[in-house]
């Protein structure tokens, strides 16, 4: 893992970025069980759940 001091994101911005990336991956998969059909609000909540999981995994890799 690279040095986090060099990242141009705050923790909140990184969470938003991760959630956005998760959402981008969810949108084109309408037949995936557990992803769609969800309401847009449910999709947003799920995207942040993925983002939080990514942040937890990322923190475990920090020295």
PDB file of N, CA and C in Angstrom:
ATOM      1  N   UNK A   1       0.861  -1.176   0.000  1.00  0.00           N
ATOM      2  CA  UNK A   1       0.000   0.000   0.000  1.00  0.00           C
ATOM      3  C   UNK A   1       0.899   1.228   0.000  1.00  0.00           C
ATOM      4  N   UNK A   2       0.496   2.190  -0.778  1.00  0.00           N
ATOM      5  CA  UNK A   2       1.299   3.408  -0.860  1.00  0.00           C
ATOM      6  C   UNK A   2       1.064   4.288   0.361  1.00  0.00           C
ATOM      7  N   UNK A   3       1.880   5.288   0.498  1.00  0.00           N
ATOM      8  CA  UNK A   3       1.800   6.222   1.611  1.00  0.00           C
ATOM      9  C   UNK A   3       0.509   7.029   1.518  1.00  0.00           C
ATOM     10  N   UNK A   4      -0.332   6.961   2.568  1.00  0.00           N
ATOM     11  CA  UNK A   4      -1.617   7.668   2.526  1.00  0.00           C
ATOM     12  C   UNK A   4      -1.469   9.173   2.617  1.00  0.00           C
ATOM     13  N   UNK A   5      -0.328   9.662   3.075  1.00  0.00           N
ATOM     14  CA  UNK A   5      -0.129  11.105   3.150  1.00  0.00           C
ATOM     15  C   UNK A   5      -0.147  11.727   1.760  1.00  0.00           C
ATOM     16  N   UNK A   6       0.159  10.942   0.748  1.00  0.00           N
ATOM     17  CA  UNK A   6       0.201  11.456  -0.614  1.00  0.00           C
ATOM     18  C   UNK A   6      -1.182  11.487  -1.268  1.00  0.00           C
ATOM     19  N   UNK A   7      -2.189  10.906  -0.629  1.00  0.00           N
ATOM     20  CA  UNK A   7      -3.522  10.893  -1.218  1.00  0.00           C
ATOM     21  C   UNK A   7      -4.165  12.274  -1.122  1.00  0.00           C
ATOM     22  N   UNK A   8      -4.813  12.714  -2.196  1.00  0.00           N
ATOM     23  CA  UNK A   8      -5.439  14.036  -2.193  1.00  0.00           C
ATOM     24  C   UNK A   8      -6.853  14.036  -1.622  1.00  0.00           C
ATOM     25  N   UNK A   9      -7.262  12.960  -0.943  1.00  0.00           N
ATOM     26  CA  UNK A   9      -8.623  12.839  -0.425  1.00  0.00           C
ATOM     27  C   UNK A   9      -8.639  12.858   1.093  1.00  0.00           C
ATOM     28  N   UNK A  10      -9.681  13.466   1.664  1.00  0.00           N
ATOM     29  CA  UNK A  10      -9.942  13.286   3.091  1.00  0.00           C
ATOM     30  C   UNK A  10     -10.646  11.942   3.250  1.00  0.00           C
ATOM     31  N   UNK A  11     -10.795  11.459   4.472  1.00  0.00           N
ATOM     32  CA  UNK A  11     -11.479  10.184   4.699  1.00  0.00           C
ATOM     33  C   UNK A  11     -12.914  10.233   4.189  1.00  0.00           C
ATOM     34  N   UNK A  12     -13.606  11.342   4.414  1.00  0.00           N
ATOM     35  CA  UNK A  12     -14.988  11.472   3.951  1.00  0.00           C
ATOM     36  C   UNK A  12     -15.053  11.473   2.427  1.00  0.00           C
ATOM     37  N   UNK A  13     -14.127  12.157   1.791  1.00  0.00           N
ATOM     38  CA  UNK A  13     -14.111  12.185   0.330  1.00  0.00           C
ATOM     39  C   UNK A  13     -13.783  10.810  -0.234  1.00  0.00           C
ATOM     40  N   UNK A  14     -12.894  10.091   0.410  1.00  0.00           N
ATOM     41  CA  UNK A  14     -12.537   8.754  -0.038  1.00  0.00           C
ATOM     42  C   UNK A  14     -13.745   7.828   0.095  1.00  0.00           C
ATOM     43  N   UNK A  15     -14.504   7.965   1.173  1.00  0.00           N
ATOM     44  CA  UNK A  15     -15.720   7.178   1.358  1.00  0.00           C
ATOM     45  C   UNK A  15     -16.718   7.476   0.236  1.00  0.00           C
ATOM     46  N   UNK A  16     -16.898   8.754  -0.089  1.00  0.00           N
ATOM     47  CA  UNK A  16     -17.803   9.125  -1.179  1.00  0.00           C
ATOM     48  C   UNK A  16     -17.309   8.567  -2.507  1.00  0.00           C
ATOM     49  N   UNK A  17     -16.016   8.634  -2.737  1.00  0.00           N
ATOM     50  CA  UNK A  17     -15.439   8.101  -3.976  1.00  0.00           C
ATOM     51  C   UNK A  17     -15.680   6.594  -4.073  1.00  0.00           C
ATOM     52  N   UNK A  18     -15.391   5.866  -3.004  1.00  0.00           N
ATOM     53  CA  UNK A  18     -15.615   4.428  -2.994  1.00  0.00           C
ATOM     54  C   UNK A  18     -17.094   4.102  -3.223  1.00  0.00           C
ATOM     55  N   UNK A  19     -17.992   4.851  -2.588  1.00  0.00           N
ATOM     56  CA  UNK A  19     -19.424   4.612  -2.771  1.00  0.00           C
ATOM     57  C   UNK A  19     -19.827   4.850  -4.225  1.00  0.00           C
ATOM     58  N   UNK A  20     -19.307   5.896  -4.808  1.00  0.00           N
ATOM     59  CA  UNK A  20     -19.609   6.177  -6.212  1.00  0.00           C
ATOM     60  C   UNK A  20     -19.123   5.071  -7.129  1.00  0.00           C
ATOM     61  N   UNK A  21     -17.938   4.567  -6.856  1.00  0.00           N
ATOM     62  CA  UNK A  21     -17.404   3.480  -7.668  1.00  0.00           C
ATOM     63  C   UNK A  21     -18.228   2.208  -7.492  1.00  0.00           C
ATOM     64  N   UNK A  22     -18.668   1.937  -6.265  1.00  0.00           N
ATOM     65  CA  UNK A  22     -19.525   0.771  -6.034  1.00  0.00           C
ATOM     66  C   UNK A  22     -20.837   0.912  -6.800  1.00  0.00           C
ATOM     67  N   UNK A  23     -21.406   2.107  -6.770  1.00  0.00           N
ATOM     68  CA  UNK A  23     -22.666   2.351  -7.462  1.00  0.00           C
ATOM     69  C   UNK A  23     -22.507   2.175  -8.968  1.00  0.00           C
ATOM     70  N   UNK A  24     -21.416   2.646  -9.519  1.00  0.00           N
ATOM     71  CA  UNK A  24     -21.153   2.477 -10.949  1.00  0.00           C
ATOM     72  C   UNK A  24     -21.125   0.994 -11.311  1.00  0.00           C
ATOM     73  N   UNK A  25     -20.558   0.185 -10.434  1.00  0.00           N
ATOM     74  CA  UNK A  25     -20.524  -1.248 -10.690  1.00  0.00           C
ATOM     75  C   UNK A  25     -21.876  -1.917 -10.527  1.00  0.00           C
ATOM     76  N   UNK A  26     -22.733  -1.374  -9.681  1.00  0.00           N
ATOM     77  CA  UNK A  26     -24.047  -1.965  -9.434  1.00  0.00           C
ATOM     78  C   UNK A  26     -25.040  -1.667 -10.556  1.00  0.00           C
ATOM     79  N   UNK A  27     -24.969  -0.518 -11.149  1.00  0.00           N
ATOM     80  CA  UNK A  27     -25.987  -0.085 -12.109  1.00  0.00           C
ATOM     81  C   UNK A  27     -26.137  -0.989 -13.333  1.00  0.00           C
ATOM     82  N   UNK A  28     -25.064  -1.456 -13.938  1.00  0.00           N
ATOM     83  CA  UNK A  28     -25.255  -2.273 -15.140  1.00  0.00           C
ATOM     84  C   UNK A  28     -25.559  -3.741 -14.858  1.00  0.00           C
ATOM     85  N   UNK A  29     -25.821  -4.121 -13.616  1.00  0.00           N
ATOM     86  CA  UNK A  29     -26.040  -5.521 -13.268  1.00  0.00           C
ATOM     87  C   UNK A  29     -27.468  -5.780 -12.794  1.00  0.00           C
ATOM     88  N   UNK A  30     -28.469  -5.527 -13.609  1.00  0.00           N
ATOM     89  CA  UNK A  30     -29.848  -5.654 -13.131  1.00  0.00           C
ATOM     90  C   UNK A  30     -30.254  -7.080 -12.774  1.00  0.00           C
ATOM     91  N   UNK A  31     -29.530  -8.082 -13.237  1.00  0.00           N
ATOM     92  CA  UNK A  31     -29.941  -9.451 -12.951  1.00  0.00           C
ATOM     93  C   UNK A  31     -29.173 -10.081 -11.797  1.00  0.00           C
ATOM     94  N   UNK A  32     -28.286  -9.332 -11.157  1.00  0.00           N
ATOM     95  CA  UNK A  32     -27.492  -9.873 -10.055  1.00  0.00           C
ATOM     96  C   UNK A  32     -28.327  -9.942  -8.781  1.00  0.00           C
ATOM     97  N   UNK A  33     -28.513 -11.145  -8.220  1.00  0.00           N
ATOM     98  CA  UNK A  33     -29.272 -11.242  -6.967  1.00  0.00           C
ATOM     99  C   UNK A  33     -28.624 -10.418  -5.861  1.00  0.00           C
ATOM    100  N   UNK A  34     -29.430  -9.705  -5.111  1.00  0.00           N
ATOM    101  CA  UNK A  34     -28.931  -8.901  -4.013  1.00  0.00           C
ATOM    102  C   UNK A  34     -28.469  -7.516  -4.416  1.00  0.00           C
ATOM    103  N   UNK A  35     -28.391  -7.250  -5.690  1.00  0.00           N
ATOM    104  CA  UNK A  35     -27.990  -5.918  -6.150  1.00  0.00           C
ATOM    105  C   UNK A  35     -29.220  -5.167  -6.649  1.00  0.00           C
ATOM    106  N   UNK A  36     -29.874  -5.700  -7.632  1.00  0.00           N
ATOM    107  CA  UNK A  36     -31.097  -5.105  -8.156  1.00  0.00           C
ATOM    108  C   UNK A  36     -32.153  -6.194  -8.231  1.00  0.00           C
ATOM    109  N   UNK A  37     -33.402  -5.989  -8.135  1.00  0.00           N
ATOM    110  CA  UNK A  37     -34.026  -4.676  -8.102  1.00  0.00           C
ATOM    111  C   UNK A  37     -34.064  -4.098  -6.689  1.00  0.00           C
ATOM    112  N   UNK A  38     -33.491  -2.979  -6.547  1.00  0.00           N
ATOM    113  CA  UNK A  38     -33.532  -2.197  -5.318  1.00  0.00           C
ATOM    114  C   UNK A  38     -34.031  -0.811  -5.689  1.00  0.00           C
ATOM    115  N   UNK A  39     -34.561  -0.105  -4.712  1.00  0.00           N
ATOM    116  CA  UNK A  39     -34.923   1.287  -4.973  1.00  0.00           C
ATOM    117  C   UNK A  39     -33.630   2.095  -5.072  1.00  0.00           C
ATOM    118  N   UNK A  40     -33.719   3.290  -5.585  1.00  0.00           N
ATOM    119  CA  UNK A  40     -32.515   4.119  -5.685  1.00  0.00           C
ATOM    120  C   UNK A  40     -31.955   4.428  -4.299  1.00  0.00           C
ATOM    121  N   UNK A  41     -32.828   4.609  -3.325  1.00  0.00           N
ATOM    122  CA  UNK A  41     -32.353   4.854  -1.961  1.00  0.00           C
ATOM    123  C   UNK A  41     -31.635   3.626  -1.411  1.00  0.00           C
ATOM    124  N   UNK A  42     -32.162   2.438  -1.677  1.00  0.00           N
ATOM    125  CA  UNK A  42     -31.510   1.213  -1.230  1.00  0.00           C
ATOM    126  C   UNK A  42     -30.163   1.030  -1.921  1.00  0.00           C
ATOM    127  N   UNK A  43     -30.097   1.385  -3.201  1.00  0.00           N
ATOM    128  CA  UNK A  43     -28.828   1.272  -3.925  1.00  0.00           C
ATOM    129  C   UNK A  43     -27.782   2.214  -3.332  1.00  0.00           C
ATOM    130  N   UNK A  44     -28.196   3.427  -2.988  1.00  0.00           N
ATOM    131  CA  UNK A  44     -27.263   4.377  -2.386  1.00  0.00           C
ATOM    132  C   UNK A  44     -26.766   3.860  -1.040  1.00  0.00           C
ATOM    133  N   UNK A  45     -27.682   3.321  -0.242  1.00  0.00           N
ATOM    134  CA  UNK A  45     -27.277   2.759   1.052  1.00  0.00           C
ATOM    135  C   UNK A  45     -26.317   1.592   0.861  1.00  0.00           C
ATOM    136  N   UNK A  46     -26.606   0.723  -0.088  1.00  0.00           N
ATOM    137  CA  UNK A  46     -25.736  -0.421  -0.361  1.00  0.00           C
ATOM    138  C   UNK A  46     -24.359   0.042  -0.828  1.00  0.00           C
ATOM    139  N   UNK A  47     -24.313   1.076  -1.661  1.00  0.00           N
ATOM    140  CA  UNK A  47     -23.038   1.596  -2.139  1.00  0.00           C
ATOM    141  C   UNK A  47     -22.181   2.075  -0.971  1.00  0.00           C
ATOM    142  N   UNK A  48     -22.794   2.741   0.016  1.00  0.00           N
ATOM    143  CA  UNK A  48     -22.034   3.192   1.178  1.00  0.00           C
ATOM    144  C   UNK A  48     -21.630   2.027   2.075  1.00  0.00           C
ATOM    145  N   UNK A  49     -22.414   0.958   2.087  1.00  0.00           N
ATOM    146  CA  UNK A  49     -22.002  -0.235   2.831  1.00  0.00           C
ATOM    147  C   UNK A  49     -20.725  -0.813   2.210  1.00  0.00           C
ATOM    148  N   UNK A  50     -20.676  -0.856   0.881  1.00  0.00           N
ATOM    149  CA  UNK A  50     -19.462  -1.315   0.201  1.00  0.00           C
ATOM    150  C   UNK A  50     -18.292  -0.369   0.493  1.00  0.00           C
ATOM    151  N   UNK A  51     -18.557   0.928   0.452  1.00  0.00           N
ATOM    152  CA  UNK A  51     -17.503   1.907   0.727  1.00  0.00           C
ATOM    153  C   UNK A  51     -16.951   1.728   2.138  1.00  0.00           C
ATOM    154  N   UNK A  52     -17.821   1.532   3.107  1.00  0.00           N
ATOM    155  CA  UNK A  52     -17.375   1.327   4.484  1.00  0.00           C
ATOM    156  C   UNK A  52     -16.538   0.052   4.604  1.00  0.00           C
ATOM    157  N   UNK A  53     -16.943  -1.001   3.904  1.00  0.00           N
ATOM    158  CA  UNK A  53     -16.166  -2.238   3.920  1.00  0.00           C
ATOM    159  C   UNK A  53     -14.787  -2.026   3.293  1.00  0.00           C
ATOM    160  N   UNK A  54     -14.735  -1.257   2.217  1.00  0.00           N
ATOM    161  CA  UNK A  54     -13.441  -0.953   1.593  1.00  0.00           C
ATOM    162  C   UNK A  54     -12.544  -0.165   2.538  1.00  0.00           C
ATOM    163  N   UNK A  55     -13.107   0.796   3.239  1.00  0.00           N
ATOM    164  CA  UNK A  55     -12.314   1.577   4.188  1.00  0.00           C
ATOM    165  C   UNK A  55     -11.809   0.717   5.342  1.00  0.00           C
ATOM    166  N   UNK A  56     -12.645  -0.212   5.821  1.00  0.00           N
ATOM    167  CA  UNK A  56     -12.198  -1.122   6.887  1.00  0.00           C
ATOM    168  C   UNK A  56     -11.047  -1.995   6.396  1.00  0.00           C
ATOM    169  N   UNK A  57     -11.191  -2.545   5.192  1.00  0.00           N
ATOM    170  CA  UNK A  57     -10.140  -3.394   4.639  1.00  0.00           C
ATOM    171  C   UNK A  57      -8.864  -2.586   4.415  1.00  0.00           C
ATOM    172  N   UNK A  58      -9.025  -1.369   3.945  1.00  0.00           N
ATOM    173  CA  UNK A  58      -7.875  -0.488   3.693  1.00  0.00           C
ATOM    174  C   UNK A  58      -7.132  -0.174   4.984  1.00  0.00           C
ATOM    175  N   UNK A  59      -7.873   0.056   6.057  1.00  0.00           N
ATOM    176  CA  UNK A  59      -7.230   0.407   7.333  1.00  0.00           C
ATOM    177  C   UNK A  59      -6.443  -0.761   7.905  1.00  0.00           C
ATOM    178  N   UNK A  60      -6.839  -1.975   7.601  1.00  0.00           N
ATOM    179  CA  UNK A  60      -6.113  -3.146   8.078  1.00  0.00           C
ATOM    180  C   UNK A  60      -4.762  -3.302   7.383  1.00  0.00           C
ATOM    181  N   UNK A  61      -4.620  -2.696   6.210  1.00  0.00           N
ATOM    182  CA  UNK A  61      -3.382  -2.808   5.443  1.00  0.00           C
ATOM    183  C   UNK A  61      -2.392  -1.701   5.753  1.00  0.00           C
ATOM    184  N   UNK A  62      -2.792  -0.709   6.521  1.00  0.00           N
ATOM    185  CA  UNK A  62      -1.894   0.403   6.845  1.00  0.00           C
ATOM    186  C   UNK A  62      -0.837  -0.049   7.834  1.00  0.00           C
ATOM    187  N   UNK A  63       0.400   0.417   7.670  1.00  0.00           N
ATOM    188  CA  UNK A  63       1.479   0.035   8.605  1.00  0.00           C
ATOM    189  C   UNK A  63       1.277   0.639   9.988  1.00  0.00           C
TER     190      UNK A  63
END
